[in-house]
């Protein structure tokens, strides 16, 4: 998807990095992922790296609370299921789940994730 950055520059968001419905004219906060040698700008909508884990972990906690403390997703879940339910990539999901597990906020079982 082509985007305009600060009303001045053209950027590009790749399809596999879009986890929400977008429409022409939407104004969103994005982050520069990379400026390529041909001066094209790659943009992502979520924060990059470790800064993205905390918001994703919070989203998982909200989803767990909304579903009586259970989420029918695991590290073996289909990436499309994760995208549909949580609006994040499988990679981001796994990092956030790992963080929640280390904080002892969730329990991971074969059938899903449970809130402790």
PDB file of N, CA and C in Angstrom:
ATOM      1  N   UNK A   1       0.849  -1.161   0.000  1.00  0.00           N
ATOM      2  CA  UNK A   1       0.000   0.000   0.000  1.00  0.00           C
ATOM      3  C   UNK A   1       0.900   1.231   0.000  1.00  0.00           C
ATOM      4  N   UNK A   2       0.616   2.147  -0.881  1.00  0.00           N
ATOM      5  CA  UNK A   2       1.354   3.399  -0.932  1.00  0.00           C
ATOM      6  C   UNK A   2       0.829   4.353   0.126  1.00  0.00           C
ATOM      7  N   UNK A   3       1.735   5.082   0.775  1.00  0.00           N
ATOM      8  CA  UNK A   3       1.366   6.043   1.809  1.00  0.00           C
ATOM      9  C   UNK A   3       2.107   7.357   1.580  1.00  0.00           C
ATOM     10  N   UNK A   4       1.572   8.396   2.174  1.00  0.00           N
ATOM     11  CA  UNK A   4       2.231   9.702   2.134  1.00  0.00           C
ATOM     12  C   UNK A   4       2.724  10.003   3.540  1.00  0.00           C
ATOM     13  N   UNK A   5       3.986  10.365   3.645  1.00  0.00           N
ATOM     14  CA  UNK A   5       4.617  10.607   4.935  1.00  0.00           C
ATOM     15  C   UNK A   5       4.763  12.112   5.135  1.00  0.00           C
ATOM     16  N   UNK A   6       4.157  12.631   6.201  1.00  0.00           N
ATOM     17  CA  UNK A   6       4.244  14.051   6.555  1.00  0.00           C
ATOM     18  C   UNK A   6       3.898  14.983   5.395  1.00  0.00           C
ATOM     19  N   UNK A   7       2.955  14.577   4.568  1.00  0.00           N
ATOM     20  CA  UNK A   7       2.474  15.361   3.427  1.00  0.00           C
ATOM     21  C   UNK A   7       3.569  15.693   2.421  1.00  0.00           C
ATOM     22  N   UNK A   8       4.700  14.961   2.463  1.00  0.00           N
ATOM     23  CA  UNK A   8       5.827  15.295   1.600  1.00  0.00           C
ATOM     24  C   UNK A   8       6.415  14.106   0.837  1.00  0.00           C
ATOM     25  N   UNK A   9       6.498  12.966   1.485  1.00  0.00           N
ATOM     26  CA  UNK A   9       7.249  11.844   0.931  1.00  0.00           C
ATOM     27  C   UNK A   9       6.340  10.651   0.681  1.00  0.00           C
ATOM     28  N   UNK A  10       6.705   9.867  -0.319  1.00  0.00           N
ATOM     29  CA  UNK A  10       5.977   8.636  -0.603  1.00  0.00           C
ATOM     30  C   UNK A  10       6.640   7.473   0.116  1.00  0.00           C
ATOM     31  N   UNK A  11       5.800   6.614   0.666  1.00  0.00           N
ATOM     32  CA  UNK A  11       6.299   5.431   1.346  1.00  0.00           C
ATOM     33  C   UNK A  11       5.492   4.224   0.925  1.00  0.00           C
ATOM     34  N   UNK A  12       5.888   3.078   1.417  1.00  0.00           N
ATOM     35  CA  UNK A  12       5.242   1.829   1.060  1.00  0.00           C
ATOM     36  C   UNK A  12       5.108   0.951   2.295  1.00  0.00           C
ATOM     37  N   UNK A  13       3.892   0.407   2.494  1.00  0.00           N
ATOM     38  CA  UNK A  13       3.665  -0.588   3.545  1.00  0.00           C
ATOM     39  C   UNK A  13       3.393  -1.903   2.830  1.00  0.00           C
ATOM     40  N   UNK A  14       4.147  -2.919   3.175  1.00  0.00           N
ATOM     41  CA  UNK A  14       3.974  -4.214   2.535  1.00  0.00           C
ATOM     42  C   UNK A  14       2.743  -4.926   3.084  1.00  0.00           C
ATOM     43  N   UNK A  15       2.093  -5.671   2.224  1.00  0.00           N
ATOM     44  CA  UNK A  15       0.851  -6.373   2.554  1.00  0.00           C
ATOM     45  C   UNK A  15       0.986  -7.258   3.790  1.00  0.00           C
ATOM     46  N   UNK A  16       2.112  -7.941   3.929  1.00  0.00           N
ATOM     47  CA  UNK A  16       2.280  -8.853   5.061  1.00  0.00           C
ATOM     48  C   UNK A  16       2.548  -8.134   6.382  1.00  0.00           C
ATOM     49  N   UNK A  17       2.595  -6.802   6.342  1.00  0.00           N
ATOM     50  CA  UNK A  17       2.781  -6.017   7.562  1.00  0.00           C
ATOM     51  C   UNK A  17       1.551  -5.181   7.906  1.00  0.00           C
ATOM     52  N   UNK A  18       0.442  -5.454   7.231  1.00  0.00           N
ATOM     53  CA  UNK A  18      -0.813  -4.750   7.520  1.00  0.00           C
ATOM     54  C   UNK A  18      -1.713  -5.701   8.292  1.00  0.00           C
ATOM     55  N   UNK A  19      -2.082  -5.289   9.512  1.00  0.00           N
ATOM     56  CA  UNK A  19      -2.873  -6.159  10.374  1.00  0.00           C
ATOM     57  C   UNK A  19      -4.197  -5.513  10.777  1.00  0.00           C
ATOM     58  N   UNK A  20      -4.643  -4.542  10.003  1.00  0.00           N
ATOM     59  CA  UNK A  20      -5.918  -3.886  10.246  1.00  0.00           C
ATOM     60  C   UNK A  20      -6.480  -3.421   8.914  1.00  0.00           C
ATOM     61  N   UNK A  21      -7.774  -3.141   8.887  1.00  0.00           N
ATOM     62  CA  UNK A  21      -8.384  -2.652   7.657  1.00  0.00           C
ATOM     63  C   UNK A  21      -7.974  -1.194   7.447  1.00  0.00           C
ATOM     64  N   UNK A  22      -7.526  -0.896   6.247  1.00  0.00           N
ATOM     65  CA  UNK A  22      -7.124   0.466   5.892  1.00  0.00           C
ATOM     66  C   UNK A  22      -7.951   0.959   4.720  1.00  0.00           C
ATOM     67  N   UNK A  23      -8.237   2.244   4.726  1.00  0.00           N
ATOM     68  CA  UNK A  23      -8.983   2.873   3.637  1.00  0.00           C
ATOM     69  C   UNK A  23      -8.239   4.110   3.171  1.00  0.00           C
ATOM     70  N   UNK A  24      -8.510   4.518   1.967  1.00  0.00           N
ATOM     71  CA  UNK A  24      -7.913   5.740   1.435  1.00  0.00           C
ATOM     72  C   UNK A  24      -8.314   6.902   2.320  1.00  0.00           C
ATOM     73  N   UNK A  25      -7.338   7.717   2.680  1.00  0.00           N
ATOM     74  CA  UNK A  25      -7.597   8.887   3.511  1.00  0.00           C
ATOM     75  C   UNK A  25      -7.363   8.662   4.996  1.00  0.00           C
ATOM     76  N   UNK A  26      -7.152   7.415   5.415  1.00  0.00           N
ATOM     77  CA  UNK A  26      -6.863   7.156   6.827  1.00  0.00           C
ATOM     78  C   UNK A  26      -5.580   7.865   7.230  1.00  0.00           C
ATOM     79  N   UNK A  27      -5.575   8.405   8.443  1.00  0.00           N
ATOM     80  CA  UNK A  27      -4.378   9.046   8.977  1.00  0.00           C
ATOM     81  C   UNK A  27      -3.926   8.222  10.173  1.00  0.00           C
ATOM     82  N   UNK A  28      -2.745   7.642  10.055  1.00  0.00           N
ATOM     83  CA  UNK A  28      -2.224   6.762  11.087  1.00  0.00           C
ATOM     84  C   UNK A  28      -0.782   7.115  11.412  1.00  0.00           C
ATOM     85  N   UNK A  29      -0.369   6.710  12.595  1.00  0.00           N
ATOM     86  CA  UNK A  29       1.025   6.886  12.962  1.00  0.00           C
ATOM     87  C   UNK A  29       1.805   5.691  12.440  1.00  0.00           C
ATOM     88  N   UNK A  30       2.868   5.963  11.733  1.00  0.00           N
ATOM     89  CA  UNK A  30       3.707   4.919  11.190  1.00  0.00           C
ATOM     90  C   UNK A  30       5.158   5.170  11.567  1.00  0.00           C
ATOM     91  N   UNK A  31       5.980   4.201  11.273  1.00  0.00           N
ATOM     92  CA  UNK A  31       7.397   4.280  11.604  1.00  0.00           C
ATOM     93  C   UNK A  31       8.216   3.897  10.377  1.00  0.00           C
ATOM     94  N   UNK A  32       9.306   4.614  10.166  1.00  0.00           N
ATOM     95  CA  UNK A  32      10.203   4.318   9.053  1.00  0.00           C
ATOM     96  C   UNK A  32      10.957   3.040   9.389  1.00  0.00           C
ATOM     97  N   UNK A  33      10.794   2.043   8.550  1.00  0.00           N
ATOM     98  CA  UNK A  33      11.491   0.779   8.763  1.00  0.00           C
ATOM     99  C   UNK A  33      12.841   0.814   8.066  1.00  0.00           C
ATOM    100  N   UNK A  34      12.826   1.375   6.861  1.00  0.00           N
ATOM    101  CA  UNK A  34      14.048   1.347   6.066  1.00  0.00           C
ATOM    102  C   UNK A  34      13.946   2.350   4.932  1.00  0.00           C
ATOM    103  N   UNK A  35      15.037   2.996   4.622  1.00  0.00           N
ATOM    104  CA  UNK A  35      15.144   3.816   3.414  1.00  0.00           C
ATOM    105  C   UNK A  35      16.068   3.040   2.476  1.00  0.00           C
ATOM    106  N   UNK A  36      15.501   2.623   1.356  1.00  0.00           N
ATOM    107  CA  UNK A  36      16.246   1.777   0.426  1.00  0.00           C
ATOM    108  C   UNK A  36      17.202   2.604  -0.431  1.00  0.00           C
ATOM    109  N   UNK A  37      18.179   1.943  -1.060  1.00  0.00           N
ATOM    110  CA  UNK A  37      19.150   2.661  -1.906  1.00  0.00           C
ATOM    111  C   UNK A  37      18.493   3.484  -3.020  1.00  0.00           C
ATOM    112  N   UNK A  38      17.302   3.056  -3.481  1.00  0.00           N
ATOM    113  CA  UNK A  38      16.607   3.812  -4.528  1.00  0.00           C
ATOM    114  C   UNK A  38      15.760   4.942  -3.938  1.00  0.00           C
ATOM    115  N   UNK A  39      15.999   5.267  -2.647  1.00  0.00           N
ATOM    116  CA  UNK A  39      15.308   6.337  -1.906  1.00  0.00           C
ATOM    117  C   UNK A  39      13.828   6.069  -1.664  1.00  0.00           C
ATOM    118  N   UNK A  40      13.391   4.845  -1.831  1.00  0.00           N
ATOM    119  CA  UNK A  40      12.027   4.495  -1.470  1.00  0.00           C
ATOM    120  C   UNK A  40      12.002   4.179   0.024  1.00  0.00           C
ATOM    121  N   UNK A  41      10.895   4.512   0.679  1.00  0.00           N
ATOM    122  CA  UNK A  41      10.798   4.386   2.128  1.00  0.00           C
ATOM    123  C   UNK A  41       9.828   3.263   2.486  1.00  0.00           C
ATOM    124  N   UNK A  42      10.309   2.318   3.274  1.00  0.00           N
ATOM    125  CA  UNK A  42       9.462   1.249   3.794  1.00  0.00           C
ATOM    126  C   UNK A  42       8.917   1.705   5.146  1.00  0.00           C
ATOM    127  N   UNK A  43       7.605   1.552   5.319  1.00  0.00           N
ATOM    128  CA  UNK A  43       6.922   2.025   6.521  1.00  0.00           C
ATOM    129  C   UNK A  43       6.225   0.853   7.194  1.00  0.00           C
ATOM    130  N   UNK A  44       6.176   0.870   8.525  1.00  0.00           N
ATOM    131  CA  UNK A  44       5.390  -0.091   9.301  1.00  0.00           C
ATOM    132  C   UNK A  44       4.457   0.700  10.209  1.00  0.00           C
ATOM    133  N   UNK A  45       3.321   0.097  10.551  1.00  0.00           N
ATOM    134  CA  UNK A  45       2.349   0.792  11.395  1.00  0.00           C
ATOM    135  C   UNK A  45       2.616   0.589  12.880  1.00  0.00           C
ATOM    136  N   UNK A  46       3.244  -0.512  13.243  1.00  0.00           N
ATOM    137  CA  UNK A  46       3.565  -0.754  14.648  1.00  0.00           C
ATOM    138  C   UNK A  46       4.996  -0.378  14.921  1.00  0.00           C
ATOM    139  N   UNK A  47       5.303  -0.200  16.197  1.00  0.00           N
ATOM    140  CA  UNK A  47       6.671   0.131  16.550  1.00  0.00           C
ATOM    141  C   UNK A  47       7.585  -1.038  16.220  1.00  0.00           C
ATOM    142  N   UNK A  48       8.831  -0.729  16.036  1.00  0.00           N
ATOM    143  CA  UNK A  48       9.798  -1.719  15.600  1.00  0.00           C
ATOM    144  C   UNK A  48      10.560  -2.267  16.805  1.00  0.00           C
ATOM    145  N   UNK A  49      10.825  -3.563  16.770  1.00  0.00           N
ATOM    146  CA  UNK A  49      11.660  -4.189  17.790  1.00  0.00           C
ATOM    147  C   UNK A  49      10.968  -4.363  19.128  1.00  0.00           C
ATOM    148  N   UNK A  50      11.743  -4.209  20.197  1.00  0.00           N
ATOM    149  CA  UNK A  50      11.258  -4.484  21.546  1.00  0.00           C
ATOM    150  C   UNK A  50      10.102  -3.572  21.949  1.00  0.00           C
ATOM    151  N   UNK A  51      10.068  -2.365  21.423  1.00  0.00           N
ATOM    152  CA  UNK A  51       8.991  -1.423  21.761  1.00  0.00           C
ATOM    153  C   UNK A  51       7.617  -1.927  21.337  1.00  0.00           C
ATOM    154  N   UNK A  52       7.583  -2.863  20.423  1.00  0.00           N
ATOM    155  CA  UNK A  52       6.325  -3.410  19.935  1.00  0.00           C
ATOM    156  C   UNK A  52       5.782  -4.514  20.845  1.00  0.00           C
ATOM    157  N   UNK A  53       6.627  -5.097  21.680  1.00  0.00           N
ATOM    158  CA  UNK A  53       6.215  -6.227  22.510  1.00  0.00           C
ATOM    159  C   UNK A  53       5.184  -5.809  23.554  1.00  0.00           C
ATOM    160  N   UNK A  54       5.423  -4.718  24.253  1.00  0.00           N
ATOM    161  CA  UNK A  54       4.510  -4.311  25.331  1.00  0.00           C
ATOM    162  C   UNK A  54       3.098  -4.008  24.840  1.00  0.00           C
ATOM    163  N   UNK A  55       2.915  -3.223  23.769  1.00  0.00           N
ATOM    164  CA  UNK A  55       1.548  -3.003  23.290  1.00  0.00           C
ATOM    165  C   UNK A  55       0.864  -4.293  22.841  1.00  0.00           C
ATOM    166  N   UNK A  56       1.624  -5.196  22.224  1.00  0.00           N
ATOM    167  CA  UNK A  56       1.052  -6.471  21.798  1.00  0.00           C
ATOM    168  C   UNK A  56       0.698  -7.346  22.994  1.00  0.00           C
ATOM    169  N   UNK A  57       1.543  -7.336  24.017  1.00  0.00           N
ATOM    170  CA  UNK A  57       1.247  -8.097  25.232  1.00  0.00           C
ATOM    171  C   UNK A  57      -0.016  -7.547  25.894  1.00  0.00           C
ATOM    172  N   UNK A  58      -0.160  -6.241  25.918  1.00  0.00           N
ATOM    173  CA  UNK A  58      -1.382  -5.630  26.471  1.00  0.00           C
ATOM    174  C   UNK A  58      -2.616  -6.052  25.683  1.00  0.00           C
ATOM    175  N   UNK A  59      -2.493  -6.108  24.358  1.00  0.00           N
ATOM    176  CA  UNK A  59      -3.626  -6.524  23.518  1.00  0.00           C
ATOM    177  C   UNK A  59      -4.013  -7.975  23.806  1.00  0.00           C
ATOM    178  N   UNK A  60      -3.019  -8.820  24.039  1.00  0.00           N
ATOM    179  CA  UNK A  60      -3.304 -10.222  24.370  1.00  0.00           C
ATOM    180  C   UNK A  60      -3.997 -10.318  25.724  1.00  0.00           C
ATOM    181  N   UNK A  61      -3.542  -9.538  26.700  1.00  0.00           N
ATOM    182  CA  UNK A  61      -4.186  -9.536  28.018  1.00  0.00           C
ATOM    183  C   UNK A  61      -5.638  -9.076  27.927  1.00  0.00           C
ATOM    184  N   UNK A  62      -5.900  -8.051  27.136  1.00  0.00           N
ATOM    185  CA  UNK A  62      -7.272  -7.567  26.953  1.00  0.00           C
ATOM    186  C   UNK A  62      -8.129  -8.675  26.341  1.00  0.00           C
ATOM    187  N   UNK A  63      -7.609  -9.337  25.335  1.00  0.00           N
ATOM    188  CA  UNK A  63      -8.350 -10.415  24.673  1.00  0.00           C
ATOM    189  C   UNK A  63      -8.602 -11.575  25.641  1.00  0.00           C
ATOM    190  N   UNK A  64      -7.622 -11.891  26.461  1.00  0.00           N
ATOM    191  CA  UNK A  64      -7.803 -12.939  27.467  1.00  0.00           C
ATOM    192  C   UNK A  64      -8.904 -12.565  28.463  1.00  0.00           C
ATOM    193  N   UNK A  65      -8.874 -11.333  28.939  1.00  0.00           N
ATOM    194  CA  UNK A  65      -9.894 -10.882  29.901  1.00  0.00           C
ATOM    195  C   UNK A  65     -11.286 -10.872  29.282  1.00  0.00           C
ATOM    196  N   UNK A  66     -11.358 -10.514  28.014  1.00  0.00           N
ATOM    197  CA  UNK A  66     -12.654 -10.484  27.324  1.00  0.00           C
ATOM    198  C   UNK A  66     -13.199 -11.879  27.055  1.00  0.00           C
ATOM    199  N   UNK A  67     -12.331 -12.897  27.108  1.00  0.00           N
ATOM    200  CA  UNK A  67     -12.737 -14.273  26.816  1.00  0.00           C
ATOM    201  C   UNK A  67     -12.588 -15.177  28.034  1.00  0.00           C
ATOM    202  N   UNK A  68     -12.928 -14.663  29.190  1.00  0.00           N
ATOM    203  CA  UNK A  68     -12.918 -15.444  30.442  1.00  0.00           C
ATOM    204  C   UNK A  68     -11.563 -16.083  30.739  1.00  0.00           C
ATOM    205  N   UNK A  69     -10.477 -15.412  30.384  1.00  0.00           N
ATOM    206  CA  UNK A  69      -9.146 -15.889  30.721  1.00  0.00           C
ATOM    207  C   UNK A  69      -8.581 -16.968  29.822  1.00  0.00           C
ATOM    208  N   UNK A  70      -9.188 -17.178  28.655  1.00  0.00           N
ATOM    209  CA  UNK A  70      -8.711 -18.222  27.742  1.00  0.00           C
ATOM    210  C   UNK A  70      -8.626 -17.694  26.323  1.00  0.00           C
ATOM    211  N   UNK A  71      -7.581 -18.081  25.630  1.00  0.00           N
ATOM    212  CA  UNK A  71      -7.395 -17.712  24.236  1.00  0.00           C
ATOM    213  C   UNK A  71      -6.976 -18.959  23.473  1.00  0.00           C
ATOM    214  N   UNK A  72      -7.745 -19.314  22.466  1.00  0.00           N
ATOM    215  CA  UNK A  72      -7.511 -20.537  21.701  1.00  0.00           C
ATOM    216  C   UNK A  72      -6.440 -20.322  20.628  1.00  0.00           C
ATOM    217  N   UNK A  73      -5.282 -19.824  21.047  1.00  0.00           N
ATOM    218  CA  UNK A  73      -4.155 -19.633  20.140  1.00  0.00           C
ATOM    219  C   UNK A  73      -2.896 -20.174  20.805  1.00  0.00           C
ATOM    220  N   UNK A  74      -2.024 -20.754  19.997  1.00  0.00           N
ATOM    221  CA  UNK A  74      -0.728 -21.230  20.492  1.00  0.00           C
ATOM    222  C   UNK A  74       0.337 -20.855  19.469  1.00  0.00           C
ATOM    223  N   UNK A  75       1.573 -21.254  19.750  1.00  0.00           N
ATOM    224  CA  UNK A  75       2.647 -20.982  18.794  1.00  0.00           C
ATOM    225  C   UNK A  75       2.499 -21.801  17.519  1.00  0.00           C
ATOM    226  N   UNK A  76       1.594 -22.782  17.527  1.00  0.00           N
ATOM    227  CA  UNK A  76       1.338 -23.585  16.332  1.00  0.00           C
ATOM    228  C   UNK A  76       0.099 -23.113  15.566  1.00  0.00           C
ATOM    229  N   UNK A  77      -0.537 -22.047  16.044  1.00  0.00           N
ATOM    230  CA  UNK A  77      -1.740 -21.528  15.383  1.00  0.00           C
ATOM    231  C   UNK A  77      -1.413 -20.969  14.010  1.00  0.00           C
ATOM    232  N   UNK A  78      -2.409 -20.983  13.157  1.00  0.00           N
ATOM    233  CA  UNK A  78      -2.297 -20.424  11.820  1.00  0.00           C
ATOM    234  C   UNK A  78      -2.061 -18.913  11.923  1.00  0.00           C
ATOM    235  N   UNK A  79      -1.094 -18.367  11.187  1.00  0.00           N
ATOM    236  CA  UNK A  79      -0.836 -16.922  11.227  1.00  0.00           C
ATOM    237  C   UNK A  79      -2.075 -16.083  10.899  1.00  0.00           C
ATOM    238  N   UNK A  80      -2.935 -16.588  10.021  1.00  0.00           N
ATOM    239  CA  UNK A  80      -4.151 -15.851   9.670  1.00  0.00           C
ATOM    240  C   UNK A  80      -5.120 -15.778  10.854  1.00  0.00           C
ATOM    241  N   UNK A  81      -5.177 -16.838  11.664  1.00  0.00           N
ATOM    242  CA  UNK A  81      -6.027 -16.824  12.856  1.00  0.00           C
ATOM    243  C   UNK A  81      -5.535 -15.776  13.848  1.00  0.00           C
ATOM    244  N   UNK A  82      -4.223 -15.713  14.027  1.00  0.00           N
ATOM    245  CA  UNK A  82      -3.637 -14.721  14.935  1.00  0.00           C
ATOM    246  C   UNK A  82      -3.920 -13.316  14.424  1.00  0.00           C
ATOM    247  N   UNK A  83      -3.747 -13.118  13.129  1.00  0.00           N
ATOM    248  CA  UNK A  83      -4.001 -11.816  12.521  1.00  0.00           C
ATOM    249  C   UNK A  83      -5.465 -11.413  12.693  1.00  0.00           C
ATOM    250  N   UNK A  84      -6.383 -12.349  12.488  1.00  0.00           N
ATOM    251  CA  UNK A  84      -7.814 -12.062  12.597  1.00  0.00           C
ATOM    252  C   UNK A  84      -8.218 -11.714  14.027  1.00  0.00           C
ATOM    253  N   UNK A  85      -7.725 -12.475  14.978  1.00  0.00           N
ATOM    254  CA  UNK A  85      -8.135 -12.284  16.372  1.00  0.00           C
ATOM    255  C   UNK A  85      -7.406 -11.127  17.038  1.00  0.00           C
ATOM    256  N   UNK A  86      -6.094 -10.994  16.798  1.00  0.00           N
ATOM    257  CA  UNK A  86      -5.286 -10.025  17.550  1.00  0.00           C
ATOM    258  C   UNK A  86      -4.715  -8.877  16.722  1.00  0.00           C
ATOM    259  N   UNK A  87      -4.883  -8.901  15.412  1.00  0.00           N
ATOM    260  CA  UNK A  87      -4.341  -7.871  14.524  1.00  0.00           C
ATOM    261  C   UNK A  87      -2.836  -7.689  14.706  1.00  0.00           C
ATOM    262  N   UNK A  88      -2.117  -8.821  14.734  1.00  0.00           N
ATOM    263  CA  UNK A  88      -0.651  -8.776  14.804  1.00  0.00           C
ATOM    264  C   UNK A  88      -0.090  -9.989  14.069  1.00  0.00           C
ATOM    265  N   UNK A  89       1.171  -9.926  13.768  1.00  0.00           N
ATOM    266  CA  UNK A  89       1.820 -11.052  13.087  1.00  0.00           C
ATOM    267  C   UNK A  89       2.071 -12.186  14.074  1.00  0.00           C
ATOM    268  N   UNK A  90       2.312 -13.368  13.544  1.00  0.00           N
ATOM    269  CA  UNK A  90       2.607 -14.518  14.390  1.00  0.00           C
ATOM    270  C   UNK A  90       3.910 -14.280  15.155  1.00  0.00           C
ATOM    271  N   UNK A  91       4.877 -13.675  14.511  1.00  0.00           N
ATOM    272  CA  UNK A  91       6.155 -13.382  15.151  1.00  0.00           C
ATOM    273  C   UNK A  91       5.960 -12.441  16.340  1.00  0.00           C
ATOM    274  N   UNK A  92       5.170 -11.394  16.162  1.00  0.00           N
ATOM    275  CA  UNK A  92       4.885 -10.455  17.251  1.00  0.00           C
ATOM    276  C   UNK A  92       4.105 -11.139  18.366  1.00  0.00           C
ATOM    277  N   UNK A  93       3.162 -12.006  17.984  1.00  0.00           N
ATOM    278  CA  UNK A  93       2.376 -12.761  18.950  1.00  0.00           C
ATOM    279  C   UNK A  93       3.287 -13.617  19.828  1.00  0.00           C
ATOM    280  N   UNK A  94       4.206 -14.331  19.212  1.00  0.00           N
ATOM    281  CA  UNK A  94       5.086 -15.214  19.962  1.00  0.00           C
ATOM    282  C   UNK A  94       5.991 -14.431  20.915  1.00  0.00           C
ATOM    283  N   UNK A  95       6.476 -13.284  20.484  1.00  0.00           N
ATOM    284  CA  UNK A  95       7.307 -12.456  21.362  1.00  0.00           C
ATOM    285  C   UNK A  95       6.501 -11.941  22.548  1.00  0.00           C
ATOM    286  N   UNK A  96       5.280 -11.490  22.289  1.00  0.00           N
ATOM    287  CA  UNK A  96       4.430 -10.957  23.361  1.00  0.00           C
ATOM    288  C   UNK A  96       4.040 -12.056  24.341  1.00  0.00           C
ATOM    289  N   UNK A  97       3.700 -13.230  23.830  1.00  0.00           N
ATOM    290  CA  UNK A  97       3.355 -14.371  24.698  1.00  0.00           C
ATOM    291  C   UNK A  97       4.559 -14.745  25.555  1.00  0.00           C
ATOM    292  N   UNK A  98       5.741 -14.749  24.965  1.00  0.00           N
ATOM    293  CA  UNK A  98       6.958 -15.040  25.725  1.00  0.00           C
ATOM    294  C   UNK A  98       7.167 -14.057  26.857  1.00  0.00           C
ATOM    295  N   UNK A  99       6.919 -12.794  26.576  1.00  0.00           N
ATOM    296  CA  UNK A  99       7.053 -11.763  27.603  1.00  0.00           C
ATOM    297  C   UNK A  99       6.040 -11.965  28.727  1.00  0.00           C
ATOM    298  N   UNK A 100       4.790 -12.257  28.375  1.00  0.00           N
ATOM    299  CA  UNK A 100       3.752 -12.491  29.387  1.00  0.00           C
ATOM    300  C   UNK A 100       4.071 -13.742  30.205  1.00  0.00           C
ATOM    301  N   UNK A 101       4.600 -14.756  29.566  1.00  0.00           N
ATOM    302  CA  UNK A 101       4.956 -15.995  30.260  1.00  0.00           C
ATOM    303  C   UNK A 101       6.081 -15.735  31.268  1.00  0.00           C
ATOM    304  N   UNK A 102       7.090 -14.987  30.848  1.00  0.00           N
ATOM    305  CA  UNK A 102       8.205 -14.662  31.745  1.00  0.00           C
ATOM    306  C   UNK A 102       7.737 -13.847  32.946  1.00  0.00           C
ATOM    307  N   UNK A 103       6.709 -13.033  32.741  1.00  0.00           N
ATOM    308  CA  UNK A 103       6.143 -12.233  33.841  1.00  0.00           C
ATOM    309  C   UNK A 103       5.172 -13.046  34.691  1.00  0.00           C
ATOM    310  N   UNK A 104       4.969 -14.311  34.327  1.00  0.00           N
ATOM    311  CA  UNK A 104       4.070 -15.235  35.012  1.00  0.00           C
ATOM    312  C   UNK A 104       2.623 -14.725  35.048  1.00  0.00           C
ATOM    313  N   UNK A 105       2.208 -14.103  33.940  1.00  0.00           N
ATOM    314  CA  UNK A 105       0.833 -13.609  33.822  1.00  0.00           C
ATOM    315  C   UNK A 105      -0.063 -14.590  33.082  1.00  0.00           C
ATOM    316  N   UNK A 106       0.567 -15.519  32.341  1.00  0.00           N
ATOM    317  CA  UNK A 106      -0.207 -16.493  31.569  1.00  0.00           C
ATOM    318  C   UNK A 106       0.374 -17.888  31.757  1.00  0.00           C
ATOM    319  N   UNK A 107      -0.444 -18.862  31.435  1.00  0.00           N
ATOM    320  CA  UNK A 107      -0.018 -20.252  31.409  1.00  0.00           C
ATOM    321  C   UNK A 107      -0.254 -20.754  29.989  1.00  0.00           C
ATOM    322  N   UNK A 108       0.730 -21.427  29.419  1.00  0.00           N
ATOM    323  CA  UNK A 108       0.622 -21.928  28.050  1.00  0.00           C
ATOM    324  C   UNK A 108       0.377 -23.434  28.105  1.00  0.00           C
ATOM    325  N   UNK A 109      -0.722 -23.852  27.483  1.00  0.00           N
ATOM    326  CA  UNK A 109      -1.044 -25.277  27.410  1.00  0.00           C
ATOM    327  C   UNK A 109      -1.226 -25.652  25.939  1.00  0.00           C
ATOM    328  N   UNK A 110      -1.388 -26.929  25.665  1.00  0.00           N
ATOM    329  CA  UNK A 110      -1.520 -27.395  24.283  1.00  0.00           C
ATOM    330  C   UNK A 110      -2.746 -26.828  23.582  1.00  0.00           C
ATOM    331  N   UNK A 111      -3.823 -26.574  24.345  1.00  0.00           N
ATOM    332  CA  UNK A 111      -5.059 -26.093  23.723  1.00  0.00           C
ATOM    333  C   UNK A 111      -5.198 -24.584  23.702  1.00  0.00           C
ATOM    334  N   UNK A 112      -4.234 -23.857  24.283  1.00  0.00           N
ATOM    335  CA  UNK A 112      -4.321 -22.407  24.248  1.00  0.00           C
ATOM    336  C   UNK A 112      -3.591 -21.746  25.403  1.00  0.00           C
ATOM    337  N   UNK A 113      -3.908 -20.477  25.597  1.00  0.00           N
ATOM    338  CA  UNK A 113      -3.273 -19.650  26.609  1.00  0.00           C
ATOM    339  C   UNK A 113      -4.307 -19.332  27.686  1.00  0.00           C
ATOM    340  N   UNK A 114      -3.875 -19.420  28.936  1.00  0.00           N
ATOM    341  CA  UNK A 114      -4.753 -19.149  30.074  1.00  0.00           C
ATOM    342  C   UNK A 114      -4.190 -18.010  30.913  1.00  0.00           C
ATOM    343  N   UNK A 115      -5.045 -17.143  31.353  1.00  0.00           N
ATOM    344  CA  UNK A 115      -4.670 -16.049  32.242  1.00  0.00           C
ATOM    345  C   UNK A 115      -4.509 -16.599  33.652  1.00  0.00           C
ATOM    346  N   UNK A 116      -3.437 -16.243  34.323  1.00  0.00           N
ATOM    347  CA  UNK A 116      -3.217 -16.717  35.698  1.00  0.00           C
ATOM    348  C   UNK A 116      -3.873 -15.731  36.676  1.00  0.00           C
TER     349      UNK A 116
END
